[in-house]
Structures are given as structure tokens and as C-alpha cells.
Amino acid sequence: MEEKDVYAELSSIRNLMERSSKFISLSGLAGILAGVYALAGAWFAARILSNHDDMGFPPEDVPVIVRAMVVVALAILVLSIVTSYWLSMRKAKKRNENVWNPVSKRLLVASGIPFITGGLFIAALLLKGEYTLIAASCLIFYGLALVAGSQYTYQEVKWLGLGEILLGLLAVFVPNQHLIFWTIGFSLLHILYGILMHFKYER
């Protein structure tokens, strides 16, 4: 057997093993679009805040403002999930793969535990009126979900998760800059991640 045939066979075996142990239908375009959605959401949030004067606003207005921002954040989350699912389905179809397989189910469970835990924790913060930690909590728990799920997909997901966690921790210690850290984490990092994934795996 010629050397090039050996390399081709080894490459085929490696690809087969990767498909059986890793979820590789994630789309870089989904990451880019999620970042764009987050950027639009940050703009809406900034507009909400800009409707109040620079000296602050009455405490009774805070819950109303927070609820408006929660609606924006949930809209971004739903759009991102739907987009990611649709693009993953399309990518899997092109590869003649089933997007729902044992690996994708393990990925969903691994990332779902910290994701759902974070959602419940943030809901508790909202109910208790502890608004200052919400943005940081979003970043930290989302980052933990990415790191937990990265063992079943591309390693780049792990680095994205670590970046989100770092930004979340910084947001805890830097007052009055929560929206900036949130925007960097959910917009800029996602766009950079999506571009990297697209050029590395999808071209």
C-alpha cells in the first residue's frame, strides 16, 4: 500500500472516530448571527437606559427597566437558539448526518445543567431585586455551560466559554459597566468565534 493511501485511510478513520465522539454540526455562521443579535439587543438596552437622565432614576423605575431588558435578553436567546438549531440541521443534512444522535444528546445534557442552573439563579436574583449581578451571572453560567459541553464538540467552544467566564468575573468587580461586559461577551466574542469556526471548519 502506498504511503498516500495509508494517510488517506488514517484520515478516514480519524474522521469516523471524530463523528462518533464529537458533535461537529455546529455552525460558525450561527455564532456570528448570535453576536449580531446580541449587538442589536445591547443597542436597545442602551436606548432604554438613555431615556433617563445621567443623575440616575427613581428606585421605583428600576424593576420596569430591568423587565424591559429581560424581555430583550430573552428575545436574543430565542433567536440565537432557533438560528443555531436551523443552521446545525442544515449542516448535518449536507453531511448526511442526523443532528439528534447520542453525542448531541450528551452535549445537551452536559451544557444544559449549568445553563438551567444559571437561569434559575438569575430568576432568583430578579425576584429578590438583586439586579447588579445579573449580567455577570449570565456570562459566568453561560461560560460554564460552554466549557461543560466542549468535551463533546470543538475545542474552540471551550475557549469561548472561558472568555465568557472571565468577562463575568470582571463584571462583578467593575461597577456600572455591566452592559459593556455583557456586550463584549455575547456580541464581540461570539462574532470572533463564529468567524474562526467558519474559516477553520466550513470553507
Protein backbone atom coordinates (compact mmCIF):
# COMPACT_ATOMS: atom_id res chain seq x y z
CA MET A 1 0.00 0.00 0.00
CA GLU A 2 1.40 3.40 -0.98
CA GLU A 3 2.15 6.00 1.65
CA LYS A 4 -0.54 8.38 0.38
CA ASP A 5 -3.11 5.59 0.60
CA VAL A 6 -2.12 4.96 4.21
CA TYR A 7 -2.56 8.64 5.05
CA ALA A 8 -5.93 8.70 3.29
CA GLU A 9 -7.09 5.64 5.23
CA LEU A 10 -5.88 7.07 8.54
CA SER A 11 -7.64 10.33 7.75
CA SER A 12 -10.88 8.45 7.06
CA ILE A 13 -10.57 6.54 10.33
CA ARG A 14 -9.90 9.76 12.24
CA ASN A 15 -12.92 11.47 10.66
CA LEU A 16 -15.09 8.48 11.50
CA MET A 17 -13.93 8.49 15.13
CA GLU A 18 -14.49 12.24 15.37
CA ARG A 19 -18.02 11.92 14.05
CA SER A 20 -18.80 9.21 16.57
CA SER A 21 -17.42 11.12 19.58
CA LYS A 22 -17.87 14.80 18.70
CA PHE A 23 -20.84 16.91 17.66
CA ILE A 24 -19.43 18.65 14.59
CA SER A 25 -22.59 20.17 13.14
CA LEU A 26 -22.16 23.47 14.98
CA SER A 27 -22.20 26.38 12.53
CA GLY A 28 -19.82 29.30 12.61
CA LEU A 29 -22.49 31.43 10.96
CA ALA A 30 -24.76 30.74 13.94
CA GLY A 31 -22.12 32.22 16.24
CA ILE A 32 -21.81 35.30 14.05
CA LEU A 33 -25.58 35.82 13.92
CA ALA A 34 -25.89 35.31 17.68
CA GLY A 35 -23.31 38.06 18.12
CA VAL A 36 -25.23 40.35 15.79
CA TYR A 37 -28.46 39.68 17.70
CA ALA A 38 -26.68 40.50 20.97
CA LEU A 39 -25.27 43.70 19.49
CA ALA A 40 -28.76 44.79 18.46
CA GLY A 41 -30.05 43.89 21.92
CA ALA A 42 -27.31 45.91 23.57
CA TRP A 43 -28.31 48.88 21.44
CA PHE A 44 -31.92 48.55 22.59
CA ALA A 45 -30.77 48.25 26.21
CA ALA A 46 -28.62 51.36 25.86
CA ARG A 47 -31.60 53.23 24.43
CA ILE A 48 -33.71 52.16 27.40
CA LEU A 49 -31.08 53.48 29.80
CA SER A 50 -30.56 56.69 27.82
CA ASN A 51 -34.19 57.64 28.36
CA HIS A 52 -33.22 58.50 31.93
CA ASP A 53 -31.02 61.40 32.96
CA ASP A 54 -27.37 61.00 33.85
CA MET A 55 -28.08 61.58 37.54
CA GLY A 56 -29.90 58.28 37.78
CA PHE A 57 -33.55 57.38 38.04
CA PRO A 58 -36.00 56.75 40.86
CA PRO A 59 -35.75 53.35 42.57
CA GLU A 60 -39.35 52.56 41.64
CA ASP A 61 -38.35 52.73 37.93
CA VAL A 62 -35.66 50.06 38.30
CA PRO A 63 -37.95 46.98 38.09
CA VAL A 64 -39.62 48.37 34.96
CA ILE A 65 -36.25 48.95 33.28
CA VAL A 66 -34.96 45.53 34.33
CA ARG A 67 -38.08 43.81 32.99
CA ALA A 68 -37.63 45.57 29.65
CA MET A 69 -34.03 44.38 29.48
CA VAL A 70 -35.05 40.83 30.42
CA VAL A 71 -37.50 40.83 27.50
CA VAL A 72 -34.71 41.96 25.16
CA ALA A 73 -32.34 39.29 26.52
CA LEU A 74 -34.95 36.54 26.15
CA ALA A 75 -35.65 37.63 22.57
CA ILE A 76 -31.93 37.37 21.79
CA LEU A 77 -31.77 33.94 23.44
CA VAL A 78 -34.73 32.58 21.46
CA LEU A 79 -33.43 33.98 18.17
CA SER A 80 -29.96 32.54 18.83
CA ILE A 81 -31.28 29.08 19.74
CA VAL A 82 -33.61 28.91 16.72
CA THR A 83 -30.85 30.12 14.38
CA SER A 84 -28.29 27.69 15.79
CA TYR A 85 -30.70 24.77 15.54
CA TRP A 86 -31.69 25.58 11.97
CA LEU A 87 -28.11 26.04 10.76
CA SER A 88 -26.95 22.90 12.59
CA MET A 89 -29.75 20.94 10.94
CA ARG A 90 -28.76 22.29 7.54
CA LYS A 91 -25.08 21.50 8.10
CA ALA A 92 -25.88 17.98 9.32
CA LYS A 93 -28.10 17.38 6.29
CA LYS A 94 -25.26 18.34 3.95
CA ARG A 95 -23.05 15.81 5.73
CA ASN A 96 -25.78 13.15 5.60
CA GLU A 97 -25.82 13.06 9.39
CA ASN A 98 -28.54 13.07 12.00
CA VAL A 99 -28.32 16.14 14.22
CA TRP A 100 -30.02 14.20 17.04
CA ASN A 101 -27.62 11.42 17.96
CA PRO A 102 -26.07 10.07 21.18
CA VAL A 103 -23.27 12.66 21.07
CA SER A 104 -25.58 15.65 20.59
CA LYS A 105 -27.76 14.36 23.44
CA ARG A 106 -24.74 14.11 25.76
CA LEU A 107 -23.75 17.62 24.69
CA LEU A 108 -27.23 18.89 25.51
CA VAL A 109 -27.21 17.29 28.97
CA ALA A 110 -23.67 18.45 29.83
CA SER A 111 -24.28 22.06 28.82
CA GLY A 112 -27.91 22.09 29.94
CA ILE A 113 -27.18 21.53 33.64
CA PRO A 114 -25.16 24.75 34.22
CA PHE A 115 -27.37 26.61 31.71
CA ILE A 116 -30.62 25.77 33.52
CA THR A 117 -28.98 26.28 36.92
CA GLY A 118 -27.87 29.73 35.79
CA GLY A 119 -31.35 30.57 34.52
CA LEU A 120 -32.89 29.63 37.88
CA PHE A 121 -30.23 31.59 39.76
CA ILE A 122 -30.85 34.67 37.62
CA ALA A 123 -34.61 34.31 38.15
CA ALA A 124 -33.96 34.26 41.90
CA LEU A 125 -31.87 37.44 41.61
CA LEU A 126 -34.73 39.11 39.73
CA LEU A 127 -37.28 38.10 42.36
CA LYS A 128 -35.06 39.39 45.16
CA GLY A 129 -34.27 42.64 43.36
CA GLU A 130 -30.54 41.90 43.23
CA TYR A 131 -30.05 43.37 39.78
CA THR A 132 -26.35 44.24 39.89
CA LEU A 133 -25.20 40.63 39.50
CA ILE A 134 -27.50 39.62 36.65
CA ALA A 135 -25.21 40.50 33.72
CA ALA A 136 -22.21 38.85 35.40
CA SER A 137 -24.28 35.76 36.21
CA CYS A 138 -25.43 35.48 32.57
CA LEU A 139 -21.82 35.49 31.39
CA ILE A 140 -20.48 33.12 34.06
CA PHE A 141 -23.16 30.45 33.81
CA TYR A 142 -23.21 30.61 30.01
CA GLY A 143 -19.44 30.20 30.01
CA LEU A 144 -19.71 27.21 32.37
CA ALA A 145 -22.29 25.65 30.03
CA LEU A 146 -19.94 26.06 27.07
CA VAL A 147 -16.97 24.59 28.92
CA ALA A 148 -19.05 21.65 30.14
CA GLY A 149 -20.31 20.91 26.64
CA SER A 150 -16.99 21.47 24.87
CA GLN A 151 -15.84 17.89 25.56
CA TYR A 152 -18.43 16.75 23.02
CA THR A 153 -17.64 19.28 20.29
CA TYR A 154 -14.91 21.61 19.03
CA GLN A 155 -12.22 22.82 21.44
CA GLU A 156 -12.90 26.40 20.35
CA VAL A 157 -16.16 26.21 22.30
CA LYS A 158 -14.14 25.71 25.49
CA TRP A 159 -12.09 28.86 24.86
CA LEU A 160 -15.23 30.84 24.13
CA GLY A 161 -16.65 29.60 27.44
CA LEU A 162 -13.52 30.57 29.38
CA GLY A 163 -13.67 34.03 27.83
CA GLU A 164 -17.29 34.41 28.94
CA ILE A 165 -16.42 33.32 32.49
CA LEU A 166 -13.52 35.79 32.68
CA LEU A 167 -15.72 38.66 31.50
CA GLY A 168 -18.40 37.69 34.01
CA LEU A 169 -15.91 37.74 36.87
CA LEU A 170 -14.59 41.12 35.74
CA ALA A 171 -18.15 42.45 35.59
CA VAL A 172 -18.58 41.59 39.28
CA PHE A 173 -15.67 43.80 40.29
CA VAL A 174 -16.12 46.69 37.84
CA PRO A 175 -19.21 48.70 38.85
CA ASN A 176 -21.63 50.34 36.42
CA GLN A 177 -20.12 48.68 33.34
CA HIS A 178 -22.32 45.60 33.22
CA LEU A 179 -23.80 46.33 29.79
CA ILE A 180 -20.34 46.78 28.28
CA PHE A 181 -19.10 43.42 29.58
CA TRP A 182 -22.35 41.75 28.50
CA THR A 183 -21.99 43.21 25.01
CA ILE A 184 -18.36 42.11 24.69
CA GLY A 185 -19.18 38.59 25.85
CA PHE A 186 -22.35 37.91 23.91
CA SER A 187 -21.60 40.00 20.83
CA LEU A 188 -17.89 40.52 20.14
CA LEU A 189 -16.68 37.12 21.39
CA HIS A 190 -19.46 35.33 19.52
CA ILE A 191 -18.68 37.11 16.27
CA LEU A 192 -14.95 36.37 16.56
CA TYR A 193 -15.70 32.74 17.47
CA GLY A 194 -18.10 32.39 14.54
CA ILE A 195 -15.60 33.81 12.06
CA LEU A 196 -12.88 31.46 13.34
CA MET A 197 -15.17 28.44 13.13
CA HIS A 198 -16.34 29.34 9.64
CA PHE A 199 -12.88 29.76 8.16
CA LYS A 200 -11.38 26.80 10.04
CA TYR A 201 -14.07 24.16 9.54
CA GLU A 202 -16.58 25.29 6.92
CA ARG A 203 -14.62 26.63 3.96
